[in-house]
Amino acid sequence: MTRVLIADDQPAVRAGLRLLLETQGFDVAGEAVDGADAVGAARRLRPDVVLMDIRMPRLDGIAATRALAGPDVEDPFAVVVVTTFDLDEYVHGALRAGAKGFVLKDAGPLLLAEAVRAAAVGDALISPRVTTRLLSAFAAKDPHARSPIDPLSPREEEVLRLLARGLTNTEICDELFVSLGTVKTHIGGILTKLGLRNRVEAAMWAYETGRVG
């Protein structure tokens, strides 16, 4: 069973998230009342996924995410940002800090559960309604963006463009008429060739290199 740590400074929100997660079959390993508490609790409890609010006292969610999942972390945690604040700079900051996903608190239980499951297996998910807006606004096209170790195949290019538009693996399957296993294989190939950790970074790379926008 996937173990989840909830980090939010509002008791009512933590209680609501706990109920939602337990209803969806997750095990809530613990709760944290702010970012500093979240970092300590995560290192102590070793949950599979950390649900992280952004606006919290002592240490905000972006800084806490960087401490748990940043590029310099040897054994990074899977962090999913769950927030009320649909602000581009917050979301972009969280993803740059290493978050594997971003979900609005009003997105509903199914999307939250999908984001937790994706993070637990090393995948990533962003609320579809903000994906395109977020990436196109902040991932400025960079002519010096890293080049693939090996060229992407035409099918990998297709998968990458759909991924960057915010489609889930299942939606990519439906769009390209291929199996889920095939989509996962293509995404794995994309990440390996680009030297990236997850689909969020791949989506950013697609915008930076002008593949979508």
C-alpha atoms as a PDB file:
ATOM      1  CA  MET A   1       0.000   0.000   0.000  1.00  0.00           C
ATOM      2  CA  THR A   2       1.315   3.450  -0.936  1.00  0.00           C
ATOM      3  CA  ARG A   3       2.296   5.477   2.138  1.00  0.00           C
ATOM      4  CA  VAL A   4       1.643   9.221   1.982  1.00  0.00           C
ATOM      5  CA  LEU A   5       2.759  12.142   4.171  1.00  0.00           C
ATOM      6  CA  ILE A   6       0.425  15.158   4.200  1.00  0.00           C
ATOM      7  CA  ALA A   7       2.012  18.598   4.686  1.00  0.00           C
ATOM      8  CA  ASP A   8      -0.424  21.490   5.181  1.00  0.00           C
ATOM      9  CA  ASP A   9      -0.705  24.168   7.860  1.00  0.00           C
ATOM     10  CA  GLN A  10      -4.512  23.967   8.063  1.00  0.00           C
ATOM     11  CA  PRO A  11      -5.896  21.134  10.251  1.00  0.00           C
ATOM     12  CA  ALA A  12      -9.189  21.013   8.319  1.00  0.00           C
ATOM     13  CA  VAL A  13      -7.335  20.578   5.020  1.00  0.00           C
ATOM     14  CA  ARG A  14      -5.140  17.824   6.452  1.00  0.00           C
ATOM     15  CA  ALA A  15      -8.228  16.032   7.773  1.00  0.00           C
ATOM     16  CA  GLY A  16      -9.942  16.315   4.388  1.00  0.00           C
ATOM     17  CA  LEU A  17      -6.918  15.031   2.502  1.00  0.00           C
ATOM     18  CA  ARG A  18      -6.510  12.164   4.958  1.00  0.00           C
ATOM     19  CA  LEU A  19     -10.133  11.099   4.456  1.00  0.00           C
ATOM     20  CA  LEU A  20      -9.830  11.369   0.690  1.00  0.00           C
ATOM     21  CA  LEU A  21      -6.597   9.373   0.557  1.00  0.00           C
ATOM     22  CA  GLU A  22      -7.841   6.639   2.873  1.00  0.00           C
ATOM     23  CA  THR A  23     -11.047   6.361   0.835  1.00  0.00           C
ATOM     24  CA  GLN A  24      -8.881   5.851  -2.271  1.00  0.00           C
ATOM     25  CA  GLY A  25      -6.907   3.052  -0.579  1.00  0.00           C
ATOM     26  CA  PHE A  26      -3.752   4.913   0.503  1.00  0.00           C
ATOM     27  CA  ASP A  27      -2.035   4.686   3.882  1.00  0.00           C
ATOM     28  CA  VAL A  28      -1.465   8.089   5.513  1.00  0.00           C
ATOM     29  CA  ALA A  29       1.917   7.694   7.190  1.00  0.00           C
ATOM     30  CA  GLY A  30       1.776  11.027   8.984  1.00  0.00           C
ATOM     31  CA  GLU A  31       0.972  14.731   8.886  1.00  0.00           C
ATOM     32  CA  ALA A  32       3.179  17.846   8.958  1.00  0.00           C
ATOM     33  CA  VAL A  33       2.069  21.337   9.982  1.00  0.00           C
ATOM     34  CA  ASP A  34       4.639  23.332   7.972  1.00  0.00           C
ATOM     35  CA  GLY A  35       7.531  22.936   5.556  1.00  0.00           C
ATOM     36  CA  ALA A  36      10.199  22.374   8.167  1.00  0.00           C
ATOM     37  CA  ASP A  37       8.039  19.763   9.862  1.00  0.00           C
ATOM     38  CA  ALA A  38       7.461  18.121   6.469  1.00  0.00           C
ATOM     39  CA  VAL A  39      11.193  17.771   5.789  1.00  0.00           C
ATOM     40  CA  GLY A  40      11.814  16.216   9.196  1.00  0.00           C
ATOM     41  CA  ALA A  41       8.790  13.925   9.042  1.00  0.00           C
ATOM     42  CA  ALA A  42       9.617  12.737   5.532  1.00  0.00           C
ATOM     43  CA  ARG A  43      13.185  11.837   6.479  1.00  0.00           C
ATOM     44  CA  ARG A  44      11.937  10.050   9.587  1.00  0.00           C
ATOM     45  CA  LEU A  45       8.926   8.214   8.133  1.00  0.00           C
ATOM     46  CA  ARG A  46      10.205   7.613   4.562  1.00  0.00           C
ATOM     47  CA  PRO A  47       6.781   7.825   2.861  1.00  0.00           C
ATOM     48  CA  ASP A  48       6.346   6.831  -0.780  1.00  0.00           C
ATOM     49  CA  VAL A  49       4.800  10.215  -1.620  1.00  0.00           C
ATOM     50  CA  VAL A  50       4.706  13.615   0.105  1.00  0.00           C
ATOM     51  CA  LEU A  51       1.683  15.859  -0.531  1.00  0.00           C
ATOM     52  CA  MET A  52       3.019  19.401  -0.110  1.00  0.00           C
ATOM     53  CA  ASP A  53       1.132  22.672   0.294  1.00  0.00           C
ATOM     54  CA  ILE A  54       2.974  25.795  -0.883  1.00  0.00           C
ATOM     55  CA  ARG A  55       2.061  28.580   1.530  1.00  0.00           C
ATOM     56  CA  MET A  56       3.194  27.376   4.957  1.00  0.00           C
ATOM     57  CA  PRO A  57       5.021  29.019   7.892  1.00  0.00           C
ATOM     58  CA  ARG A  58       8.696  28.560   8.844  1.00  0.00           C
ATOM     59  CA  LEU A  59       9.597  26.902   5.515  1.00  0.00           C
ATOM     60  CA  ASP A  60       7.395  27.248   2.452  1.00  0.00           C
ATOM     61  CA  GLY A  61       6.453  24.310   0.275  1.00  0.00           C
ATOM     62  CA  ILE A  62       8.840  25.176  -2.536  1.00  0.00           C
ATOM     63  CA  ALA A  63      11.852  25.272  -0.211  1.00  0.00           C
ATOM     64  CA  ALA A  64      10.688  22.084   1.500  1.00  0.00           C
ATOM     65  CA  THR A  65      10.263  20.393  -1.879  1.00  0.00           C
ATOM     66  CA  ARG A  66      13.790  21.403  -2.877  1.00  0.00           C
ATOM     67  CA  ALA A  67      15.130  19.955   0.382  1.00  0.00           C
ATOM     68  CA  LEU A  68      13.378  16.634  -0.272  1.00  0.00           C
ATOM     69  CA  ALA A  69      13.470  16.309  -4.060  1.00  0.00           C
ATOM     70  CA  GLY A  70      15.919  18.853  -5.450  1.00  0.00           C
ATOM     71  CA  PRO A  71      18.703  18.038  -7.926  1.00  0.00           C
ATOM     72  CA  ASP A  72      21.281  17.784  -5.153  1.00  0.00           C
ATOM     73  CA  VAL A  73      19.286  15.275  -3.078  1.00  0.00           C
ATOM     74  CA  GLU A  74      20.929  11.855  -3.255  1.00  0.00           C
ATOM     75  CA  ASP A  75      17.767   9.847  -2.584  1.00  0.00           C
ATOM     76  CA  PRO A  76      14.917  12.196  -3.580  1.00  0.00           C
ATOM     77  CA  PHE A  77      11.355  11.843  -2.366  1.00  0.00           C
ATOM     78  CA  ALA A  78       8.329  11.863  -4.644  1.00  0.00           C
ATOM     79  CA  VAL A  79       6.637  15.190  -3.888  1.00  0.00           C
ATOM     80  CA  VAL A  80       3.247  16.238  -5.255  1.00  0.00           C
ATOM     81  CA  VAL A  81       2.241  19.837  -4.667  1.00  0.00           C
ATOM     82  CA  VAL A  82      -1.426  20.155  -3.690  1.00  0.00           C
ATOM     83  CA  THR A  83      -2.492  23.765  -3.381  1.00  0.00           C
ATOM     84  CA  THR A  84      -5.333  26.255  -3.602  1.00  0.00           C
ATOM     85  CA  PHE A  85      -3.120  28.823  -5.283  1.00  0.00           C
ATOM     86  CA  ASP A  86      -3.147  28.481  -9.055  1.00  0.00           C
ATOM     87  CA  LEU A  87      -0.274  30.918  -9.475  1.00  0.00           C
ATOM     88  CA  ASP A  88       2.205  30.268 -12.260  1.00  0.00           C
ATOM     89  CA  GLU A  89       5.277  31.363 -10.330  1.00  0.00           C
ATOM     90  CA  TYR A  90       4.452  28.990  -7.465  1.00  0.00           C
ATOM     91  CA  VAL A  91       3.858  26.027  -9.731  1.00  0.00           C
ATOM     92  CA  HIS A  92       6.947  26.645 -11.816  1.00  0.00           C
ATOM     93  CA  GLY A  93       9.046  27.095  -8.683  1.00  0.00           C
ATOM     94  CA  ALA A  94       7.779  23.825  -7.241  1.00  0.00           C
ATOM     95  CA  LEU A  95       8.509  21.888 -10.431  1.00  0.00           C
ATOM     96  CA  ARG A  96      11.989  23.377 -10.709  1.00  0.00           C
ATOM     97  CA  ALA A  97      12.498  22.345  -7.072  1.00  0.00           C
ATOM     98  CA  GLY A  98      11.850  18.727  -8.021  1.00  0.00           C
ATOM     99  CA  ALA A  99       8.115  18.171  -7.499  1.00  0.00           C
ATOM    100  CA  LYS A 100       6.707  15.288  -9.528  1.00  0.00           C
ATOM    101  CA  GLY A 101       3.258  16.805  -9.790  1.00  0.00           C
ATOM    102  CA  PHE A 102       0.960  19.717  -9.175  1.00  0.00           C
ATOM    103  CA  VAL A 103      -2.727  19.345  -8.339  1.00  0.00           C
ATOM    104  CA  LEU A 104      -5.258  21.959  -7.278  1.00  0.00           C
ATOM    105  CA  LYS A 105      -7.153  21.178  -4.085  1.00  0.00           C
ATOM    106  CA  ASP A 106     -10.460  21.468  -5.932  1.00  0.00           C
ATOM    107  CA  ALA A 107      -9.399  19.016  -8.671  1.00  0.00           C
ATOM    108  CA  GLY A 108     -11.320  16.153  -7.082  1.00  0.00           C
ATOM    109  CA  PRO A 109     -10.387  12.803  -5.564  1.00  0.00           C
ATOM    110  CA  LEU A 110      -9.746  10.916  -8.796  1.00  0.00           C
ATOM    111  CA  LEU A 111      -7.111  13.324 -10.111  1.00  0.00           C
ATOM    112  CA  LEU A 112      -5.425  13.526  -6.713  1.00  0.00           C
ATOM    113  CA  ALA A 113      -5.331   9.734  -6.474  1.00  0.00           C
ATOM    114  CA  GLU A 114      -3.920   9.508 -10.013  1.00  0.00           C
ATOM    115  CA  ALA A 115      -1.200  12.037  -9.130  1.00  0.00           C
ATOM    116  CA  VAL A 116      -0.211  10.083  -6.006  1.00  0.00           C
ATOM    117  CA  ARG A 117      -0.120   6.774  -7.881  1.00  0.00           C
ATOM    118  CA  ALA A 118       1.933   8.324 -10.684  1.00  0.00           C
ATOM    119  CA  ALA A 119       4.454   9.810  -8.244  1.00  0.00           C
ATOM    120  CA  ALA A 120       4.752   6.528  -6.348  1.00  0.00           C
ATOM    121  CA  VAL A 121       5.980   4.738  -9.483  1.00  0.00           C
ATOM    122  CA  GLY A 122       8.284   7.540 -10.609  1.00  0.00           C
ATOM    123  CA  ASP A 123       5.903   9.230 -13.008  1.00  0.00           C
ATOM    124  CA  ALA A 124       4.510  12.751 -12.763  1.00  0.00           C
ATOM    125  CA  LEU A 125       1.211  14.523 -13.309  1.00  0.00           C
ATOM    126  CA  ILE A 126       0.143  18.155 -13.470  1.00  0.00           C
ATOM    127  CA  SER A 127      -3.476  19.320 -13.427  1.00  0.00           C
ATOM    128  CA  PRO A 128      -4.351  19.457 -17.143  1.00  0.00           C
ATOM    129  CA  ARG A 129      -5.989  22.876 -16.869  1.00  0.00           C
ATOM    130  CA  VAL A 130      -2.681  24.509 -15.948  1.00  0.00           C
ATOM    131  CA  THR A 131      -0.153  22.402 -17.850  1.00  0.00           C
ATOM    132  CA  THR A 132      -0.074  24.195 -21.179  1.00  0.00           C
ATOM    133  CA  ARG A 133      -0.459  27.668 -19.702  1.00  0.00           C
ATOM    134  CA  LEU A 134       2.270  27.061 -17.156  1.00  0.00           C
ATOM    135  CA  LEU A 135       4.873  25.591 -19.463  1.00  0.00           C
ATOM    136  CA  SER A 136       4.312  27.961 -22.371  1.00  0.00           C
ATOM    137  CA  ALA A 137       4.512  30.971 -20.055  1.00  0.00           C
ATOM    138  CA  PHE A 138       7.638  30.020 -18.140  1.00  0.00           C
ATOM    139  CA  ALA A 139       9.703  27.592 -20.190  1.00  0.00           C
ATOM    140  CA  ALA A 140      11.133  30.172 -22.574  1.00  0.00           C
ATOM    141  CA  LYS A 141      12.604  28.692 -25.720  1.00  0.00           C
ATOM    142  CA  ASP A 142      16.305  28.120 -25.095  1.00  0.00           C
ATOM    143  CA  PRO A 143      18.584  27.591 -28.115  1.00  0.00           C
ATOM    144  CA  HIS A 144      21.190  26.159 -25.757  1.00  0.00           C
ATOM    145  CA  ALA A 145      18.894  23.546 -24.187  1.00  0.00           C
ATOM    146  CA  ARG A 146      20.535  20.152 -23.873  1.00  0.00           C
ATOM    147  CA  SER A 147      20.575  17.924 -26.936  1.00  0.00           C
ATOM    148  CA  PRO A 148      19.483  14.289 -26.760  1.00  0.00           C
ATOM    149  CA  ILE A 149      22.202  11.695 -26.253  1.00  0.00           C
ATOM    150  CA  ASP A 150      20.621   9.932 -29.240  1.00  0.00           C
ATOM    151  CA  PRO A 151      18.054  11.492 -31.609  1.00  0.00           C
ATOM    152  CA  LEU A 152      14.406  10.992 -30.644  1.00  0.00           C
ATOM    153  CA  SER A 153      12.487   8.735 -32.993  1.00  0.00           C
ATOM    154  CA  PRO A 154       9.448  10.156 -34.848  1.00  0.00           C
ATOM    155  CA  ARG A 155       7.137   8.270 -32.462  1.00  0.00           C
ATOM    156  CA  GLU A 156       9.016   9.560 -29.425  1.00  0.00           C
ATOM    157  CA  GLU A 157       8.616  13.089 -30.793  1.00  0.00           C
ATOM    158  CA  GLU A 158       4.852  12.502 -31.061  1.00  0.00           C
ATOM    159  CA  VAL A 159       4.646  11.156 -27.533  1.00  0.00           C
ATOM    160  CA  LEU A 160       6.723  14.065 -26.223  1.00  0.00           C
ATOM    161  CA  ARG A 161       4.442  16.665 -27.805  1.00  0.00           C
ATOM    162  CA  LEU A 162       1.326  15.020 -26.354  1.00  0.00           C
ATOM    163  CA  LEU A 163       2.989  14.668 -22.957  1.00  0.00           C
ATOM    164  CA  ALA A 164       3.890  18.367 -22.998  1.00  0.00           C
ATOM    165  CA  ARG A 165       0.254  19.237 -23.714  1.00  0.00           C
ATOM    166  CA  GLY A 166      -0.671  17.601 -20.404  1.00  0.00           C
ATOM    167  CA  LEU A 167      -2.109  14.315 -21.666  1.00  0.00           C
ATOM    168  CA  THR A 168      -1.937  11.320 -19.342  1.00  0.00           C
ATOM    169  CA  ASN A 169      -0.471   8.008 -20.505  1.00  0.00           C
ATOM    170  CA  THR A 170      -3.969   6.648 -21.124  1.00  0.00           C
ATOM    171  CA  GLU A 171      -4.927   9.686 -23.204  1.00  0.00           C
ATOM    172  CA  ILE A 172      -1.725   9.326 -25.246  1.00  0.00           C
ATOM    173  CA  CYS A 173      -2.692   5.676 -25.868  1.00  0.00           C
ATOM    174  CA  ASP A 174      -6.084   6.778 -27.193  1.00  0.00           C
ATOM    175  CA  GLU A 175      -4.553   9.530 -29.326  1.00  0.00           C
ATOM    176  CA  LEU A 176      -1.932   7.296 -30.975  1.00  0.00           C
ATOM    177  CA  PHE A 177      -3.862   3.985 -30.913  1.00  0.00           C
ATOM    178  CA  VAL A 178      -1.082   2.167 -29.062  1.00  0.00           C
ATOM    179  CA  SER A 179      -0.915   0.185 -25.836  1.00  0.00           C
ATOM    180  CA  LEU A 180      -0.130   1.606 -22.405  1.00  0.00           C
ATOM    181  CA  GLY A 181       3.058  -0.437 -22.299  1.00  0.00           C
ATOM    182  CA  THR A 182       4.177   1.077 -25.586  1.00  0.00           C
ATOM    183  CA  VAL A 183       3.596   4.605 -24.297  1.00  0.00           C
ATOM    184  CA  LYS A 184       5.569   3.880 -21.127  1.00  0.00           C
ATOM    185  CA  THR A 185       8.400   2.443 -23.223  1.00  0.00           C
ATOM    186  CA  HIS A 186       8.510   5.569 -25.390  1.00  0.00           C
ATOM    187  CA  ILE A 187       8.498   7.855 -22.343  1.00  0.00           C
ATOM    188  CA  GLY A 188      11.309   5.819 -20.807  1.00  0.00           C
ATOM    189  CA  GLY A 189      13.282   6.195 -24.021  1.00  0.00           C
ATOM    190  CA  ILE A 190      12.689   9.945 -24.093  1.00  0.00           C
ATOM    191  CA  LEU A 191      13.879  10.382 -20.510  1.00  0.00           C
ATOM    192  CA  THR A 192      16.970   8.248 -21.106  1.00  0.00           C
ATOM    193  CA  LYS A 193      17.952  10.103 -24.268  1.00  0.00           C
ATOM    194  CA  LEU A 194      17.423  13.505 -22.653  1.00  0.00           C
ATOM    195  CA  GLY A 195      19.013  12.586 -19.345  1.00  0.00           C
ATOM    196  CA  LEU A 196      15.910  13.725 -17.443  1.00  0.00           C
ATOM    197  CA  ARG A 197      14.197  12.349 -14.331  1.00  0.00           C
ATOM    198  CA  ASN A 198      10.488  12.584 -15.128  1.00  0.00           C
ATOM    199  CA  ARG A 199       7.816  13.660 -17.584  1.00  0.00           C
ATOM    200  CA  VAL A 200       7.535  17.146 -16.074  1.00  0.00           C
ATOM    201  CA  GLU A 201      11.159  17.863 -16.974  1.00  0.00           C
ATOM    202  CA  ALA A 202      10.526  16.337 -20.415  1.00  0.00           C
ATOM    203  CA  ALA A 203       7.553  18.666 -20.949  1.00  0.00           C
ATOM    204  CA  MET A 204       9.666  21.664 -19.963  1.00  0.00           C
ATOM    205  CA  TRP A 205      12.380  20.541 -22.389  1.00  0.00           C
ATOM    206  CA  ALA A 206       9.790  20.289 -25.174  1.00  0.00           C
ATOM    207  CA  TYR A 207       8.788  23.913 -24.599  1.00  0.00           C
ATOM    208  CA  GLU A 208      12.368  25.104 -24.225  1.00  0.00           C
ATOM    209  CA  THR A 209      13.285  23.569 -27.581  1.00  0.00           C
ATOM    210  CA  GLY A 210      10.224  24.889 -29.412  1.00  0.00           C
ATOM    211  CA  ARG A 211       8.509  21.544 -29.981  1.00  0.00           C
ATOM    212  CA  VAL A 212       5.324  22.962 -28.490  1.00  0.00           C
ATOM    213  CA  GLY A 213       4.294  26.446 -27.521  1.00  0.00           C
END
